[in-house]
Amino acid sequence: MEDKKIICPVCGHDVIKSGRLNPPAYVVEMNSIVNLKRSEVHVTFCAKCGEIISMKVAEPYKF
């Protein structure tokens, strides 16, 4: 499988970084009163302009 180069749709820059939203920024179930099921959110973003390219729930199986 060939790796595709990601280009920022906003500024055209091709250096893309990864990170995570710092806690307490978790994804939790919509109707949950007690947030026991939660997961971090990982992001991919442009290193030049900061545009978020993608967001992904790190542990979707918890739901």
PDB file of N, CA and C in Angstrom:
ATOM      1  N   MET A   1       0.832  -1.185   0.000  1.00  0.00           N
ATOM      2  CA  MET A   1       0.000   0.000   0.000  1.00  0.00           C
ATOM      3  C   MET A   1       0.878   1.250   0.000  1.00  0.00           C
ATOM      4  N   GLU A   2       0.536   2.181  -0.812  1.00  0.00           N
ATOM      5  CA  GLU A   2       1.316   3.401  -0.957  1.00  0.00           C
ATOM      6  C   GLU A   2       0.838   4.463   0.031  1.00  0.00           C
ATOM      7  N   ASP A   3       1.779   5.112   0.744  1.00  0.00           N
ATOM      8  CA  ASP A   3       1.416   6.201   1.645  1.00  0.00           C
ATOM      9  C   ASP A   3       1.103   7.443   0.828  1.00  0.00           C
ATOM     10  N   LYS A   4      -0.050   8.042   1.099  1.00  0.00           N
ATOM     11  CA  LYS A   4      -0.436   9.261   0.398  1.00  0.00           C
ATOM     12  C   LYS A   4      -0.006  10.462   1.227  1.00  0.00           C
ATOM     13  N   LYS A   5       0.565  11.438   0.572  1.00  0.00           N
ATOM     14  CA  LYS A   5       0.979  12.662   1.242  1.00  0.00           C
ATOM     15  C   LYS A   5      -0.250  13.511   1.511  1.00  0.00           C
ATOM     16  N   ILE A   6      -0.400  13.962   2.750  1.00  0.00           N
ATOM     17  CA  ILE A   6      -1.532  14.794   3.115  1.00  0.00           C
ATOM     18  C   ILE A   6      -1.157  16.252   2.903  1.00  0.00           C
ATOM     19  N   ILE A   7      -2.021  16.972   2.232  1.00  0.00           N
ATOM     20  CA  ILE A   7      -1.836  18.398   1.977  1.00  0.00           C
ATOM     21  C   ILE A   7      -2.943  19.153   2.711  1.00  0.00           C
ATOM     22  N   CYS A   8      -2.594  20.217   3.402  1.00  0.00           N
ATOM     23  CA  CYS A   8      -3.586  21.016   4.116  1.00  0.00           C
ATOM     24  C   CYS A   8      -4.550  21.655   3.113  1.00  0.00           C
ATOM     25  N   PRO A   9      -5.864  21.473   3.299  1.00  0.00           N
ATOM     26  CA  PRO A   9      -6.828  22.053   2.371  1.00  0.00           C
ATOM     27  C   PRO A   9      -6.953  23.571   2.492  1.00  0.00           C
ATOM     28  N   VAL A  10      -6.430  24.152   3.570  1.00  0.00           N
ATOM     29  CA  VAL A  10      -6.539  25.594   3.781  1.00  0.00           C
ATOM     30  C   VAL A  10      -5.355  26.355   3.194  1.00  0.00           C
ATOM     31  N   CYS A  11      -4.120  25.904   3.535  1.00  0.00           N
ATOM     32  CA  CYS A  11      -2.941  26.671   3.111  1.00  0.00           C
ATOM     33  C   CYS A  11      -2.039  25.928   2.126  1.00  0.00           C
ATOM     34  N   GLY A  12      -2.301  24.641   1.878  1.00  0.00           N
ATOM     35  CA  GLY A  12      -1.505  23.873   0.926  1.00  0.00           C
ATOM     36  C   GLY A  12      -0.194  23.341   1.475  1.00  0.00           C
ATOM     37  N   HIS A  13       0.087  23.573   2.748  1.00  0.00           N
ATOM     38  CA  HIS A  13       1.323  23.098   3.374  1.00  0.00           C
ATOM     39  C   HIS A  13       1.287  21.575   3.484  1.00  0.00           C
ATOM     40  N   ASP A  14       2.457  20.934   3.431  1.00  0.00           N
ATOM     41  CA  ASP A  14       2.474  19.467   3.443  1.00  0.00           C
ATOM     42  C   ASP A  14       3.127  18.856   4.685  1.00  0.00           C
ATOM     43  N   VAL A  15       3.376  19.652   5.719  1.00  0.00           N
ATOM     44  CA  VAL A  15       3.906  19.111   6.970  1.00  0.00           C
ATOM     45  C   VAL A  15       2.731  18.971   7.938  1.00  0.00           C
ATOM     46  N   ILE A  16       2.379  17.717   8.235  1.00  0.00           N
ATOM     47  CA  ILE A  16       1.226  17.417   9.064  1.00  0.00           C
ATOM     48  C   ILE A  16       1.708  16.771  10.361  1.00  0.00           C
ATOM     49  N   LYS A  17       1.170  17.219  11.480  1.00  0.00           N
ATOM     50  CA  LYS A  17       1.554  16.720  12.802  1.00  0.00           C
ATOM     51  C   LYS A  17       0.365  16.017  13.466  1.00  0.00           C
ATOM     52  N   SER A  18       0.660  15.259  14.504  1.00  0.00           N
ATOM     53  CA  SER A  18      -0.378  14.576  15.275  1.00  0.00           C
ATOM     54  C   SER A  18      -0.264  14.974  16.731  1.00  0.00           C
ATOM     55  N   GLY A  19      -1.395  14.933  17.421  1.00  0.00           N
ATOM     56  CA  GLY A  19      -1.417  15.239  18.846  1.00  0.00           C
ATOM     57  C   GLY A  19      -2.705  14.724  19.458  1.00  0.00           C
ATOM     58  N   ARG A  20      -2.983  15.132  20.685  1.00  0.00           N
ATOM     59  CA  ARG A  20      -4.233  14.749  21.336  1.00  0.00           C
ATOM     60  C   ARG A  20      -4.777  15.949  22.075  1.00  0.00           C
ATOM     61  N   LEU A  21      -6.085  15.963  22.247  1.00  0.00           N
ATOM     62  CA  LEU A  21      -6.685  17.012  23.054  1.00  0.00           C
ATOM     63  C   LEU A  21      -6.317  16.714  24.504  1.00  0.00           C
ATOM     64  N   ASN A  22      -5.872  17.726  25.212  1.00  0.00           N
ATOM     65  CA  ASN A  22      -5.423  17.531  26.582  1.00  0.00           C
ATOM     66  C   ASN A  22      -6.614  17.325  27.516  1.00  0.00           C
ATOM     67  N   PRO A  23      -6.552  16.330  28.393  1.00  0.00           N
ATOM     68  CA  PRO A  23      -7.658  16.091  29.329  1.00  0.00           C
ATOM     69  C   PRO A  23      -7.994  17.362  30.096  1.00  0.00           C
ATOM     70  N   PRO A  24      -9.240  17.613  30.370  1.00  0.00           N
ATOM     71  CA  PRO A  24     -10.365  16.695  30.374  1.00  0.00           C
ATOM     72  C   PRO A  24     -11.168  16.685  29.075  1.00  0.00           C
ATOM     73  N   ALA A  25     -10.568  16.822  27.934  1.00  0.00           N
ATOM     74  CA  ALA A  25     -11.281  16.802  26.650  1.00  0.00           C
ATOM     75  C   ALA A  25     -11.468  15.366  26.179  1.00  0.00           C
ATOM     76  N   TYR A  26     -12.475  14.704  26.709  1.00  0.00           N
ATOM     77  CA  TYR A  26     -12.774  13.319  26.353  1.00  0.00           C
ATOM     78  C   TYR A  26     -14.076  13.236  25.581  1.00  0.00           C
ATOM     79  N   VAL A  27     -14.219  12.190  24.810  1.00  0.00           N
ATOM     80  CA  VAL A  27     -15.497  11.844  24.202  1.00  0.00           C
ATOM     81  C   VAL A  27     -16.211  10.950  25.209  1.00  0.00           C
ATOM     82  N   VAL A  28     -17.479  11.271  25.484  1.00  0.00           N
ATOM     83  CA  VAL A  28     -18.301  10.457  26.384  1.00  0.00           C
ATOM     84  C   VAL A  28     -19.622  10.155  25.691  1.00  0.00           C
ATOM     85  N   GLU A  29     -20.352   9.140  26.193  1.00  0.00           N
ATOM     86  CA  GLU A  29     -21.637   8.791  25.609  1.00  0.00           C
ATOM     87  C   GLU A  29     -22.623   9.949  25.770  1.00  0.00           C
ATOM     88  N   MET A  30     -23.487  10.125  24.781  1.00  0.00           N
ATOM     89  CA  MET A  30     -24.421  11.250  24.747  1.00  0.00           C
ATOM     90  C   MET A  30     -25.321  11.344  25.975  1.00  0.00           C
ATOM     91  N   ASN A  31     -25.948  10.259  26.385  1.00  0.00           N
ATOM     92  CA  ASN A  31     -26.934  10.303  27.463  1.00  0.00           C
ATOM     93  C   ASN A  31     -26.413   9.768  28.787  1.00  0.00           C
ATOM     94  N   SER A  32     -25.118   9.743  28.943  1.00  0.00           N
ATOM     95  CA  SER A  32     -24.511   9.199  30.153  1.00  0.00           C
ATOM     96  C   SER A  32     -24.556  10.223  31.287  1.00  0.00           C
ATOM     97  N   ILE A  33     -25.032   9.790  32.454  1.00  0.00           N
ATOM     98  CA  ILE A  33     -25.027  10.657  33.633  1.00  0.00           C
ATOM     99  C   ILE A  33     -23.655  10.599  34.301  1.00  0.00           C
ATOM    100  N   VAL A  34     -23.119   9.388  34.434  1.00  0.00           N
ATOM    101  CA  VAL A  34     -21.777   9.189  34.981  1.00  0.00           C
ATOM    102  C   VAL A  34     -20.874   8.839  33.807  1.00  0.00           C
ATOM    103  N   ASN A  35     -19.848   9.650  33.583  1.00  0.00           N
ATOM    104  CA  ASN A  35     -18.979   9.490  32.409  1.00  0.00           C
ATOM    105  C   ASN A  35     -17.873   8.465  32.647  1.00  0.00           C
ATOM    106  N   LEU A  36     -18.262   7.203  32.849  1.00  0.00           N
ATOM    107  CA  LEU A  36     -17.271   6.160  33.070  1.00  0.00           C
ATOM    108  C   LEU A  36     -16.672   5.661  31.766  1.00  0.00           C
ATOM    109  N   LYS A  37     -17.445   5.709  30.704  1.00  0.00           N
ATOM    110  CA  LYS A  37     -16.951   5.300  29.386  1.00  0.00           C
ATOM    111  C   LYS A  37     -16.473   6.562  28.673  1.00  0.00           C
ATOM    112  N   ARG A  38     -15.175   6.660  28.499  1.00  0.00           N
ATOM    113  CA  ARG A  38     -14.629   7.844  27.845  1.00  0.00           C
ATOM    114  C   ARG A  38     -13.354   7.477  27.101  1.00  0.00           C
ATOM    115  N   SER A  39     -12.969   8.324  26.174  1.00  0.00           N
ATOM    116  CA  SER A  39     -11.766   8.083  25.392  1.00  0.00           C
ATOM    117  C   SER A  39     -11.142   9.413  24.984  1.00  0.00           C
ATOM    118  N   GLU A  40      -9.824   9.423  24.877  1.00  0.00           N
ATOM    119  CA  GLU A  40      -9.127  10.600  24.370  1.00  0.00           C
ATOM    120  C   GLU A  40      -9.486  10.835  22.909  1.00  0.00           C
ATOM    121  N   VAL A  41      -9.233  12.039  22.450  1.00  0.00           N
ATOM    122  CA  VAL A  41      -9.424  12.386  21.044  1.00  0.00           C
ATOM    123  C   VAL A  41      -8.052  12.716  20.461  1.00  0.00           C
ATOM    124  N   HIS A  42      -7.690  12.020  19.382  1.00  0.00           N
ATOM    125  CA  HIS A  42      -6.425  12.286  18.688  1.00  0.00           C
ATOM    126  C   HIS A  42      -6.708  13.159  17.472  1.00  0.00           C
ATOM    127  N   VAL A  43      -5.813  14.092  17.202  1.00  0.00           N
ATOM    128  CA  VAL A  43      -5.999  15.007  16.077  1.00  0.00           C
ATOM    129  C   VAL A  43      -4.787  14.973  15.145  1.00  0.00           C
ATOM    130  N   THR A  44      -5.046  15.255  13.885  1.00  0.00           N
ATOM    131  CA  THR A  44      -4.008  15.450  12.877  1.00  0.00           C
ATOM    132  C   THR A  44      -4.203  16.872  12.367  1.00  0.00           C
ATOM    133  N   PHE A  45      -3.118  17.652  12.337  1.00  0.00           N
ATOM    134  CA  PHE A  45      -3.263  19.068  12.005  1.00  0.00           C
ATOM    135  C   PHE A  45      -2.083  19.586  11.185  1.00  0.00           C
ATOM    136  N   CYS A  46      -2.321  20.690  10.507  1.00  0.00           N
ATOM    137  CA  CYS A  46      -1.294  21.341   9.693  1.00  0.00           C
ATOM    138  C   CYS A  46      -0.295  22.050  10.602  1.00  0.00           C
ATOM    139  N   ALA A  47       0.990  21.817  10.366  1.00  0.00           N
ATOM    140  CA  ALA A  47       2.042  22.434  11.173  1.00  0.00           C
ATOM    141  C   ALA A  47       2.204  23.923  10.876  1.00  0.00           C
ATOM    142  N   LYS A  48       1.677  24.391   9.749  1.00  0.00           N
ATOM    143  CA  LYS A  48       1.828  25.799   9.389  1.00  0.00           C
ATOM    144  C   LYS A  48       0.667  26.653   9.894  1.00  0.00           C
ATOM    145  N   CYS A  49      -0.565  26.277   9.536  1.00  0.00           N
ATOM    146  CA  CYS A  49      -1.705  27.135   9.869  1.00  0.00           C
ATOM    147  C   CYS A  49      -2.550  26.600  11.023  1.00  0.00           C
ATOM    148  N   GLY A  50      -2.330  25.345  11.438  1.00  0.00           N
ATOM    149  CA  GLY A  50      -3.056  24.784  12.565  1.00  0.00           C
ATOM    150  C   GLY A  50      -4.402  24.172  12.226  1.00  0.00           C
ATOM    151  N   GLU A  51      -4.778  24.154  10.965  1.00  0.00           N
ATOM    152  CA  GLU A  51      -6.056  23.556  10.558  1.00  0.00           C
ATOM    153  C   GLU A  51      -6.093  22.090  10.978  1.00  0.00           C
ATOM    154  N   ILE A  52      -7.179  21.683  11.646  1.00  0.00           N
ATOM    155  CA  ILE A  52      -7.331  20.283  12.031  1.00  0.00           C
ATOM    156  C   ILE A  52      -7.811  19.504  10.811  1.00  0.00           C
ATOM    157  N   ILE A  53      -7.014  18.524  10.410  1.00  0.00           N
ATOM    158  CA  ILE A  53      -7.315  17.698   9.236  1.00  0.00           C
ATOM    159  C   ILE A  53      -8.270  16.568   9.628  1.00  0.00           C
ATOM    160  N   SER A  54      -8.028  15.948  10.793  1.00  0.00           N
ATOM    161  CA  SER A  54      -8.906  14.869  11.241  1.00  0.00           C
ATOM    162  C   SER A  54      -8.896  14.771  12.755  1.00  0.00           C
ATOM    163  N   MET A  55      -9.987  14.206  13.283  1.00  0.00           N
ATOM    164  CA  MET A  55     -10.109  13.905  14.706  1.00  0.00           C
ATOM    165  C   MET A  55     -10.559  12.455  14.807  1.00  0.00           C
ATOM    166  N   LYS A  56      -9.984  11.719  15.770  1.00  0.00           N
ATOM    167  CA  LYS A  56     -10.318  10.309  15.895  1.00  0.00           C
ATOM    168  C   LYS A  56     -10.426   9.930  17.369  1.00  0.00           C
ATOM    169  N   VAL A  57     -11.475   9.174  17.711  1.00  0.00           N
ATOM    170  CA  VAL A  57     -11.627   8.651  19.067  1.00  0.00           C
ATOM    171  C   VAL A  57     -10.584   7.542  19.229  1.00  0.00           C
ATOM    172  N   ALA A  58      -9.746   7.655  20.245  1.00  0.00           N
ATOM    173  CA  ALA A  58      -8.634   6.726  20.429  1.00  0.00           C
ATOM    174  C   ALA A  58      -9.096   5.304  20.768  1.00  0.00           C
ATOM    175  N   GLU A  59     -10.148   5.178  21.576  1.00  0.00           N
ATOM    176  CA  GLU A  59     -10.602   3.857  22.020  1.00  0.00           C
ATOM    177  C   GLU A  59     -12.104   3.689  21.797  1.00  0.00           C
ATOM    178  N   PRO A  60     -12.546   3.581  20.548  1.00  0.00           N
ATOM    179  CA  PRO A  60     -13.980   3.499  20.267  1.00  0.00           C
ATOM    180  C   PRO A  60     -14.646   2.244  20.821  1.00  0.00           C
ATOM    181  N   TYR A  61     -13.889   1.208  21.074  1.00  0.00           N
ATOM    182  CA  TYR A  61     -14.454  -0.046  21.595  1.00  0.00           C
ATOM    183  C   TYR A  61     -15.001   0.123  23.017  1.00  0.00           C
ATOM    184  N   LYS A  62     -14.647   1.194  23.713  1.00  0.00           N
ATOM    185  CA  LYS A  62     -15.163   1.428  25.058  1.00  0.00           C
ATOM    186  C   LYS A  62     -16.660   1.740  25.056  1.00  0.00           C
ATOM    187  N   PHE A  63     -17.178   2.096  23.910  1.00  0.00           N
ATOM    188  CA  PHE A  63     -18.581   2.473  23.799  1.00  0.00           C
ATOM    189  C   PHE A  63     -19.390   1.323  23.299  1.00  0.00           C
TER     190      PHE A  63
END
